[in-house]
PDB file of N, CA and C in Angstrom:
ATOM      1  N   MET A   1      59.481 -33.935  -8.292  1.00  0.00           N
ATOM      2  CA  MET A   1      60.813 -33.792  -8.736  1.00  0.00           C
ATOM      3  C   MET A   1      61.227 -32.813  -9.105  1.00  0.00           C
ATOM      4  N   LYS A   2      62.565 -32.082  -8.799  1.00  0.00           N
ATOM      5  CA  LYS A   2      63.087 -30.964  -9.540  1.00  0.00           C
ATOM      6  C   LYS A   2      64.255 -31.386 -10.168  1.00  0.00           C
ATOM      7  N   ARG A   3      64.484 -30.738 -11.365  1.00  0.00           N
ATOM      8  CA  ARG A   3      65.589 -30.886 -12.030  1.00  0.00           C
ATOM      9  C   ARG A   3      65.955 -29.547 -12.675  1.00  0.00           C
ATOM     10  N   ARG A   4      67.440 -29.413 -12.317  1.00  0.00           N
ATOM     11  CA  ARG A   4      67.987 -28.092 -12.632  1.00  0.00           C
ATOM     12  C   ARG A   4      69.007 -28.320 -13.836  1.00  0.00           C
ATOM     13  N   VAL A   5      68.771 -27.268 -14.959  1.00  0.00           N
ATOM     14  CA  VAL A   5      69.857 -27.353 -16.036  1.00  0.00           C
ATOM     15  C   VAL A   5      70.063 -26.052 -16.698  1.00  0.00           C
ATOM     16  N   TYR A   6      71.153 -26.023 -17.301  1.00  0.00           N
ATOM     17  CA  TYR A   6      71.288 -24.817 -18.276  1.00  0.00           C
ATOM     18  C   TYR A   6      70.874 -25.215 -19.708  1.00  0.00           C
ATOM     19  N   LEU A   7      70.429 -24.166 -20.196  1.00  0.00           N
ATOM     20  CA  LEU A   7      69.945 -24.180 -21.615  1.00  0.00           C
ATOM     21  C   LEU A   7      70.893 -23.292 -22.306  1.00  0.00           C
ATOM     22  N   THR A   8      71.577 -23.752 -23.547  1.00  0.00           N
ATOM     23  CA  THR A   8      72.377 -22.713 -24.343  1.00  0.00           C
ATOM     24  C   THR A   8      71.802 -22.504 -25.631  1.00  0.00           C
ATOM     25  N   TYR A   9      70.812 -21.406 -25.892  1.00  0.00           N
ATOM     26  CA  TYR A   9      70.311 -21.374 -27.395  1.00  0.00           C
ATOM     27  C   TYR A   9      71.211 -20.965 -28.247  1.00  0.00           C
ATOM     28  N   PRO A  10      71.123 -21.326 -29.598  1.00  0.00           N
ATOM     29  CA  PRO A  10      71.937 -20.805 -30.484  1.00  0.00           C
ATOM     30  C   PRO A  10      71.057 -19.522 -30.812  1.00  0.00           C
ATOM     31  N   SER A  11      71.880 -18.514 -31.581  1.00  0.00           N
ATOM     32  CA  SER A  11      71.359 -17.144 -32.151  1.00  0.00           C
ATOM     33  C   SER A  11      70.017 -17.166 -32.812  1.00  0.00           C
ATOM     34  N   ALA A  12      69.902 -18.312 -33.686  1.00  0.00           N
ATOM     35  CA  ALA A  12      68.758 -18.472 -34.601  1.00  0.00           C
ATOM     36  C   ALA A  12      67.319 -18.562 -33.381  1.00  0.00           C
ATOM     37  N   LEU A  13      67.336 -18.994 -32.416  1.00  0.00           N
ATOM     38  CA  LEU A  13      66.483 -19.355 -31.238  1.00  0.00           C
ATOM     39  C   LEU A  13      66.100 -18.058 -30.237  1.00  0.00           C
ATOM     40  N   VAL A  14      67.095 -17.251 -30.112  1.00  0.00           N
ATOM     41  CA  VAL A  14      67.151 -16.425 -29.157  1.00  0.00           C
ATOM     42  C   VAL A  14      65.874 -15.643 -28.927  1.00  0.00           C
ATOM     43  N   ARG A  15      65.416 -15.285 -29.906  1.00  0.00           N
ATOM     44  CA  ARG A  15      63.871 -14.493 -29.742  1.00  0.00           C
ATOM     45  C   ARG A  15      62.844 -15.368 -29.924  1.00  0.00           C
ATOM     46  N   GLU A  16      62.802 -16.690 -29.915  1.00  0.00           N
ATOM     47  CA  GLU A  16      61.726 -17.453 -29.946  1.00  0.00           C
ATOM     48  C   GLU A  16      61.361 -17.922 -28.685  1.00  0.00           C
ATOM     49  N   PRO A  17      59.890 -18.098 -28.643  1.00  0.00           N
ATOM     50  CA  PRO A  17      59.340 -18.234 -26.967  1.00  0.00           C
ATOM     51  C   PRO A  17      59.237 -19.920 -26.787  1.00  0.00           C
ATOM     52  N   VAL A  18      60.678 -20.540 -26.778  1.00  0.00           N
ATOM     53  CA  VAL A  18      60.825 -22.013 -26.528  1.00  0.00           C
ATOM     54  C   VAL A  18      60.070 -22.340 -25.250  1.00  0.00           C
ATOM     55  N   LEU A  19      60.340 -21.707 -24.314  1.00  0.00           N
ATOM     56  CA  LEU A  19      59.971 -22.076 -22.835  1.00  0.00           C
ATOM     57  C   LEU A  19      58.340 -21.946 -22.828  1.00  0.00           C
ATOM     58  N   CYS A  20      57.852 -21.222 -23.338  1.00  0.00           N
ATOM     59  CA  CYS A  20      56.256 -20.923 -23.535  1.00  0.00           C
ATOM     60  C   CYS A  20      56.068 -22.057 -24.260  1.00  0.00           C
ATOM     61  N   GLU A  21      56.452 -22.562 -25.351  1.00  0.00           N
ATOM     62  CA  GLU A  21      55.911 -23.643 -26.209  1.00  0.00           C
ATOM     63  C   GLU A  21      56.041 -25.000 -25.486  1.00  0.00           C
ATOM     64  N   MET A  22      57.186 -25.113 -24.797  1.00  0.00           N
ATOM     65  CA  MET A  22      57.264 -26.439 -23.985  1.00  0.00           C
ATOM     66  C   MET A  22      56.186 -26.480 -22.940  1.00  0.00           C
ATOM     67  N   TYR A  23      55.959 -25.331 -22.365  1.00  0.00           N
ATOM     68  CA  TYR A  23      54.794 -25.659 -21.309  1.00  0.00           C
ATOM     69  C   TYR A  23      53.637 -25.604 -21.891  1.00  0.00           C
ATOM     70  N   ASP A  24      53.225 -25.004 -22.937  1.00  0.00           N
ATOM     71  CA  ASP A  24      52.006 -25.252 -23.806  1.00  0.00           C
ATOM     72  C   ASP A  24      51.661 -26.715 -24.054  1.00  0.00           C
ATOM     73  N   ARG A  25      52.786 -27.387 -24.579  1.00  0.00           N
ATOM     74  CA  ARG A  25      52.693 -28.697 -25.110  1.00  0.00           C
ATOM     75  C   ARG A  25      52.749 -29.712 -24.076  1.00  0.00           C
ATOM     76  N   LEU A  26      53.622 -29.629 -23.173  1.00  0.00           N
ATOM     77  CA  LEU A  26      53.899 -30.544 -22.113  1.00  0.00           C
ATOM     78  C   LEU A  26      53.393 -30.380 -20.414  1.00  0.00           C
ATOM     79  N   ARG A  27      53.004 -29.077 -20.118  1.00  0.00           N
ATOM     80  CA  ARG A  27      52.593 -28.623 -18.956  1.00  0.00           C
ATOM     81  C   ARG A  27      53.678 -28.805 -17.772  1.00  0.00           C
ATOM     82  N   VAL A  28      54.997 -28.686 -18.181  1.00  0.00           N
ATOM     83  CA  VAL A  28      55.708 -29.062 -17.226  1.00  0.00           C
ATOM     84  C   VAL A  28      56.234 -27.469 -16.488  1.00  0.00           C
ATOM     85  N   ARG A  29      56.078 -27.508 -15.341  1.00  0.00           N
ATOM     86  CA  ARG A  29      56.285 -26.174 -14.357  1.00  0.00           C
ATOM     87  C   ARG A  29      57.800 -25.807 -14.629  1.00  0.00           C
ATOM     88  N   PHE A  30      58.093 -24.445 -14.750  1.00  0.00           N
ATOM     89  CA  PHE A  30      59.492 -24.170 -14.827  1.00  0.00           C
ATOM     90  C   PHE A  30      59.612 -22.916 -14.134  1.00  0.00           C
ATOM     91  N   ASN A  31      61.002 -22.555 -13.551  1.00  0.00           N
ATOM     92  CA  ASN A  31      61.253 -21.565 -13.014  1.00  0.00           C
ATOM     93  C   ASN A  31      62.506 -21.188 -13.520  1.00  0.00           C
ATOM     94  N   VAL A  32      62.697 -19.729 -14.259  1.00  0.00           N
ATOM     95  CA  VAL A  32      64.012 -19.609 -14.716  1.00  0.00           C
ATOM     96  C   VAL A  32      64.855 -18.898 -13.452  1.00  0.00           C
ATOM     97  N   ARG A  33      65.840 -19.350 -13.174  1.00  0.00           N
ATOM     98  CA  ARG A  33      66.710 -19.067 -12.146  1.00  0.00           C
ATOM     99  C   ARG A  33      67.578 -17.991 -12.419  1.00  0.00           C
ATOM    100  N   THR A  34      68.337 -18.027 -13.658  1.00  0.00           N
ATOM    101  CA  THR A  34      69.314 -17.017 -13.983  1.00  0.00           C
ATOM    102  C   THR A  34      69.276 -17.229 -15.507  1.00  0.00           C
ATOM    103  N   ALA A  35      69.533 -16.010 -16.152  1.00  0.00           N
ATOM    104  CA  ALA A  35      69.617 -15.904 -17.681  1.00  0.00           C
ATOM    105  C   ALA A  35      70.519 -14.834 -18.002  1.00  0.00           C
ATOM    106  N   SER A  36      71.300 -14.882 -19.055  1.00  0.00           N
ATOM    107  CA  SER A  36      72.056 -13.808 -19.904  1.00  0.00           C
ATOM    108  C   SER A  36      71.680 -14.139 -21.489  1.00  0.00           C
ATOM    109  N   VAL A  37      71.277 -13.157 -21.975  1.00  0.00           N
ATOM    110  CA  VAL A  37      70.901 -13.236 -23.487  1.00  0.00           C
ATOM    111  C   VAL A  37      71.228 -12.062 -24.036  1.00  0.00           C
ATOM    112  N   SER A  38      71.785 -12.517 -25.300  1.00  0.00           N
ATOM    113  CA  SER A  38      72.453 -11.211 -26.269  1.00  0.00           C
ATOM    114  C   SER A  38      71.681 -11.859 -27.572  1.00  0.00           C
ATOM    115  N   GLU A  39      72.065 -10.908 -28.658  1.00  0.00           N
ATOM    116  CA  GLU A  39      71.655 -11.316 -30.168  1.00  0.00           C
ATOM    117  C   GLU A  39      72.424 -12.627 -30.444  1.00  0.00           C
ATOM    118  N   GLU A  40      73.494 -12.879 -30.033  1.00  0.00           N
ATOM    119  CA  GLU A  40      74.285 -14.105 -30.635  1.00  0.00           C
ATOM    120  C   GLU A  40      73.887 -15.484 -29.804  1.00  0.00           C
ATOM    121  N   ILE A  41      73.610 -15.401 -28.493  1.00  0.00           N
ATOM    122  CA  ILE A  41      73.408 -16.554 -27.702  1.00  0.00           C
ATOM    123  C   ILE A  41      72.533 -16.326 -26.448  1.00  0.00           C
ATOM    124  N   GLY A  42      72.053 -17.392 -26.000  1.00  0.00           N
ATOM    125  CA  GLY A  42      71.097 -17.089 -24.811  1.00  0.00           C
ATOM    126  C   GLY A  42      71.549 -18.510 -23.889  1.00  0.00           C
ATOM    127  N   LEU A  43      71.730 -18.081 -22.737  1.00  0.00           N
ATOM    128  CA  LEU A  43      72.069 -19.001 -21.628  1.00  0.00           C
ATOM    129  C   LEU A  43      71.002 -18.943 -20.300  1.00  0.00           C
ATOM    130  N   ILE A  44      70.388 -19.747 -19.946  1.00  0.00           N
ATOM    131  CA  ILE A  44      69.131 -19.710 -19.174  1.00  0.00           C
ATOM    132  C   ILE A  44      69.440 -20.860 -17.897  1.00  0.00           C
ATOM    133  N   GLY A  45      69.583 -20.691 -16.868  1.00  0.00           N
ATOM    134  CA  GLY A  45      69.573 -21.532 -15.759  1.00  0.00           C
ATOM    135  C   GLY A  45      68.078 -21.776 -15.337  1.00  0.00           C
ATOM    136  N   LEU A  46      67.748 -22.921 -15.558  1.00  0.00           N
ATOM    137  CA  LEU A  46      66.153 -23.249 -15.560  1.00  0.00           C
ATOM    138  C   LEU A  46      65.877 -24.713 -14.428  1.00  0.00           C
ATOM    139  N   GLU A  47      65.126 -24.255 -13.670  1.00  0.00           N
ATOM    140  CA  GLU A  47      64.596 -25.628 -12.868  1.00  0.00           C
ATOM    141  C   GLU A  47      63.031 -25.873 -13.245  1.00  0.00           C
ATOM    142  N   LEU A  48      63.208 -27.314 -13.503  1.00  0.00           N
ATOM    143  CA  LEU A  48      61.734 -27.922 -13.942  1.00  0.00           C
ATOM    144  C   LEU A  48      61.205 -28.451 -12.739  1.00  0.00           C
ATOM    145  N   ASP A  49      59.964 -28.565 -12.738  1.00  0.00           N
ATOM    146  CA  ASP A  49      59.192 -29.099 -11.618  1.00  0.00           C
ATOM    147  C   ASP A  49      58.150 -30.119 -12.159  1.00  0.00           C
ATOM    148  N   GLY A  50      58.373 -31.484 -11.569  1.00  0.00           N
ATOM    149  CA  GLY A  50      56.986 -32.164 -12.136  1.00  0.00           C
ATOM    150  C   GLY A  50      57.488 -33.734 -12.039  1.00  0.00           C
ATOM    151  N   GLU A  51      56.774 -34.561 -12.438  1.00  0.00           N
ATOM    152  CA  GLU A  51      57.146 -36.082 -12.638  1.00  0.00           C
ATOM    153  C   GLU A  51      58.179 -36.409 -13.602  1.00  0.00           C
ATOM    154  N   PRO A  52      59.132 -37.398 -13.404  1.00  0.00           N
ATOM    155  CA  PRO A  52      60.346 -37.654 -14.037  1.00  0.00           C
ATOM    156  C   PRO A  52      59.967 -37.616 -15.557  1.00  0.00           C
ATOM    157  N   GLU A  53      59.049 -38.424 -15.966  1.00  0.00           N
ATOM    158  CA  GLU A  53      58.726 -38.548 -17.384  1.00  0.00           C
ATOM    159  C   GLU A  53      58.375 -37.458 -18.170  1.00  0.00           C
ATOM    160  N   PRO A  54      57.718 -36.368 -17.854  1.00  0.00           N
ATOM    161  CA  PRO A  54      57.341 -35.099 -18.363  1.00  0.00           C
ATOM    162  C   PRO A  54      58.593 -34.135 -18.608  1.00  0.00           C
ATOM    163  N   ILE A  55      59.093 -34.197 -17.336  1.00  0.00           N
ATOM    164  CA  ILE A  55      60.412 -33.323 -17.233  1.00  0.00           C
ATOM    165  C   ILE A  55      61.562 -34.010 -18.566  1.00  0.00           C
ATOM    166  N   GLU A  56      61.471 -35.242 -18.478  1.00  0.00           N
ATOM    167  CA  GLU A  56      62.409 -35.862 -19.530  1.00  0.00           C
ATOM    168  C   GLU A  56      61.975 -35.412 -21.105  1.00  0.00           C
ATOM    169  N   ALA A  57      60.601 -35.552 -21.290  1.00  0.00           N
ATOM    170  CA  ALA A  57      60.170 -34.945 -22.717  1.00  0.00           C
ATOM    171  C   ALA A  57      60.289 -33.621 -22.556  1.00  0.00           C
ATOM    172  N   ALA A  58      60.397 -32.767 -21.692  1.00  0.00           N
ATOM    173  CA  ALA A  58      60.609 -31.336 -21.901  1.00  0.00           C
ATOM    174  C   ALA A  58      62.226 -31.143 -22.383  1.00  0.00           C
ATOM    175  N   LEU A  59      63.033 -31.979 -21.705  1.00  0.00           N
ATOM    176  CA  LEU A  59      64.551 -31.920 -22.147  1.00  0.00           C
ATOM    177  C   LEU A  59      64.590 -32.258 -23.429  1.00  0.00           C
ATOM    178  N   ALA A  60      64.003 -33.306 -24.031  1.00  0.00           N
ATOM    179  CA  ALA A  60      64.025 -33.822 -25.317  1.00  0.00           C
ATOM    180  C   ALA A  60      63.500 -32.667 -26.254  1.00  0.00           C
ATOM    181  N   PHE A  61      62.429 -31.893 -25.697  1.00  0.00           N
ATOM    182  CA  PHE A  61      61.944 -30.860 -26.539  1.00  0.00           C
ATOM    183  C   PHE A  61      62.957 -29.836 -26.808  1.00  0.00           C
ATOM    184  N   PHE A  62      63.641 -29.442 -25.784  1.00  0.00           N
ATOM    185  CA  PHE A  62      64.597 -28.429 -26.139  1.00  0.00           C
ATOM    186  C   PHE A  62      65.786 -28.952 -27.034  1.00  0.00           C
ATOM    187  N   ARG A  63      66.291 -30.114 -26.905  1.00  0.00           N
ATOM    188  CA  ARG A  63      67.294 -30.730 -27.553  1.00  0.00           C
ATOM    189  C   ARG A  63      66.849 -30.832 -29.176  1.00  0.00           C
ATOM    190  N   GLU A  64      65.807 -31.341 -29.333  1.00  0.00           N
ATOM    191  CA  GLU A  64      65.137 -31.628 -30.675  1.00  0.00           C
ATOM    192  C   GLU A  64      65.065 -30.128 -31.523  1.00  0.00           C
ATOM    193  N   ARG A  65      65.099 -28.962 -30.608  1.00  0.00           N
ATOM    194  CA  ARG A  65      65.198 -27.644 -31.117  1.00  0.00           C
ATOM    195  C   ARG A  65      66.638 -26.973 -31.482  1.00  0.00           C
ATOM    196  N   GLY A  66      67.446 -27.894 -30.929  1.00  0.00           N
ATOM    197  CA  GLY A  66      68.826 -27.378 -31.164  1.00  0.00           C
ATOM    198  C   GLY A  66      69.519 -26.657 -29.944  1.00  0.00           C
ATOM    199  N   ILE A  67      68.616 -26.602 -28.661  1.00  0.00           N
ATOM    200  CA  ILE A  67      69.155 -26.070 -27.666  1.00  0.00           C
ATOM    201  C   ILE A  67      70.216 -27.194 -26.757  1.00  0.00           C
ATOM    202  N   ARG A  68      71.362 -26.630 -26.436  1.00  0.00           N
ATOM    203  CA  ARG A  68      71.994 -27.546 -25.659  1.00  0.00           C
ATOM    204  C   ARG A  68      71.644 -27.671 -24.336  1.00  0.00           C
ATOM    205  N   VAL A  69      71.482 -28.656 -23.641  1.00  0.00           N
ATOM    206  CA  VAL A  69      70.973 -29.122 -22.262  1.00  0.00           C
ATOM    207  C   VAL A  69      72.152 -29.629 -21.383  1.00  0.00           C
ATOM    208  N   GLU A  70      72.653 -28.940 -20.332  1.00  0.00           N
ATOM    209  CA  GLU A  70      73.469 -29.462 -19.418  1.00  0.00           C
ATOM    210  C   GLU A  70      72.837 -29.584 -17.829  1.00  0.00           C
ATOM    211  N   PRO A  71      73.209 -30.632 -17.397  1.00  0.00           N
ATOM    212  CA  PRO A  71      72.813 -30.717 -15.932  1.00  0.00           C
ATOM    213  C   PRO A  71      73.707 -29.635 -15.108  1.00  0.00           C
ATOM    214  N   ILE A  72      73.091 -29.179 -14.179  1.00  0.00           N
ATOM    215  CA  ILE A  72      73.957 -28.220 -13.032  1.00  0.00           C
ATOM    216  C   ILE A  72      74.408 -29.016 -12.120  1.00  0.00           C
ATOM    217  N   GLU A  73      75.844 -28.967 -12.071  1.00  0.00           N
ATOM    218  CA  GLU A  73      76.476 -29.729 -11.049  1.00  0.00           C
ATOM    219  C   GLU A  73      75.910 -29.849  -9.827  1.00  0.00           C
ATOM    220  N   LEU A  74      75.773 -30.874  -9.217  1.00  0.00           N
ATOM    221  CA  LEU A  74      75.178 -30.904  -7.855  1.00  0.00           C
ATOM    222  C   LEU A  74      74.044 -30.331  -7.523  1.00  0.00           C
ATOM    223  N   ASP A  75      73.429 -29.823  -8.706  1.00  0.00           N
ATOM    224  CA  ASP A  75      72.069 -29.297  -8.420  1.00  0.00           C
ATOM    225  C   ASP A  75      72.043 -27.921  -7.720  1.00  0.00           C
ATOM    226  N   VAL A  76      73.364 -27.387  -7.810  1.00  0.00           N
ATOM    227  CA  VAL A  76      73.372 -25.927  -7.119  1.00  0.00           C
ATOM    228  C   VAL A  76      73.393 -24.827  -8.320  1.00  0.00           C
ATOM    229  N   MET A  77      72.570 -23.839  -7.990  1.00  0.00           N
ATOM    230  CA  MET A  77      72.506 -22.982  -8.962  1.00  0.00           C
ATOM    231  C   MET A  77      72.817 -21.432  -8.455  1.00  0.00           C
ATOM    232  N   ALA A  78      73.866 -20.646  -9.182  1.00  0.00           N
ATOM    233  CA  ALA A  78      73.999 -19.355  -8.651  1.00  0.00           C
ATOM    234  C   ALA A  78      72.755 -18.474  -8.744  1.00  0.00           C
ATOM    235  N   GLY A  79      72.806 -17.474  -7.945  1.00  0.00           N
ATOM    236  CA  GLY A  79      71.705 -16.484  -7.818  1.00  0.00           C
ATOM    237  C   GLY A  79      70.882 -16.627  -7.114  1.00  0.00           C
TER     238      GLY A  79
END
């Protein structure tokens, strides 16, 4: 299963290796499809690949850290 989402990082997390931490803990494969990062905010278009349960755990992992997770409408991603 593939799931595409936008992650919006607050400024406090922009420099943190959150994607790597998620992979280290949950082993959910990911592909960064698009990204825009500044000192104030980070926006990443992310594709997660795997079984439904680990993907949901990865999304919860991001939310627990204060990252906004939004589905990409119609599973379409620019870029």
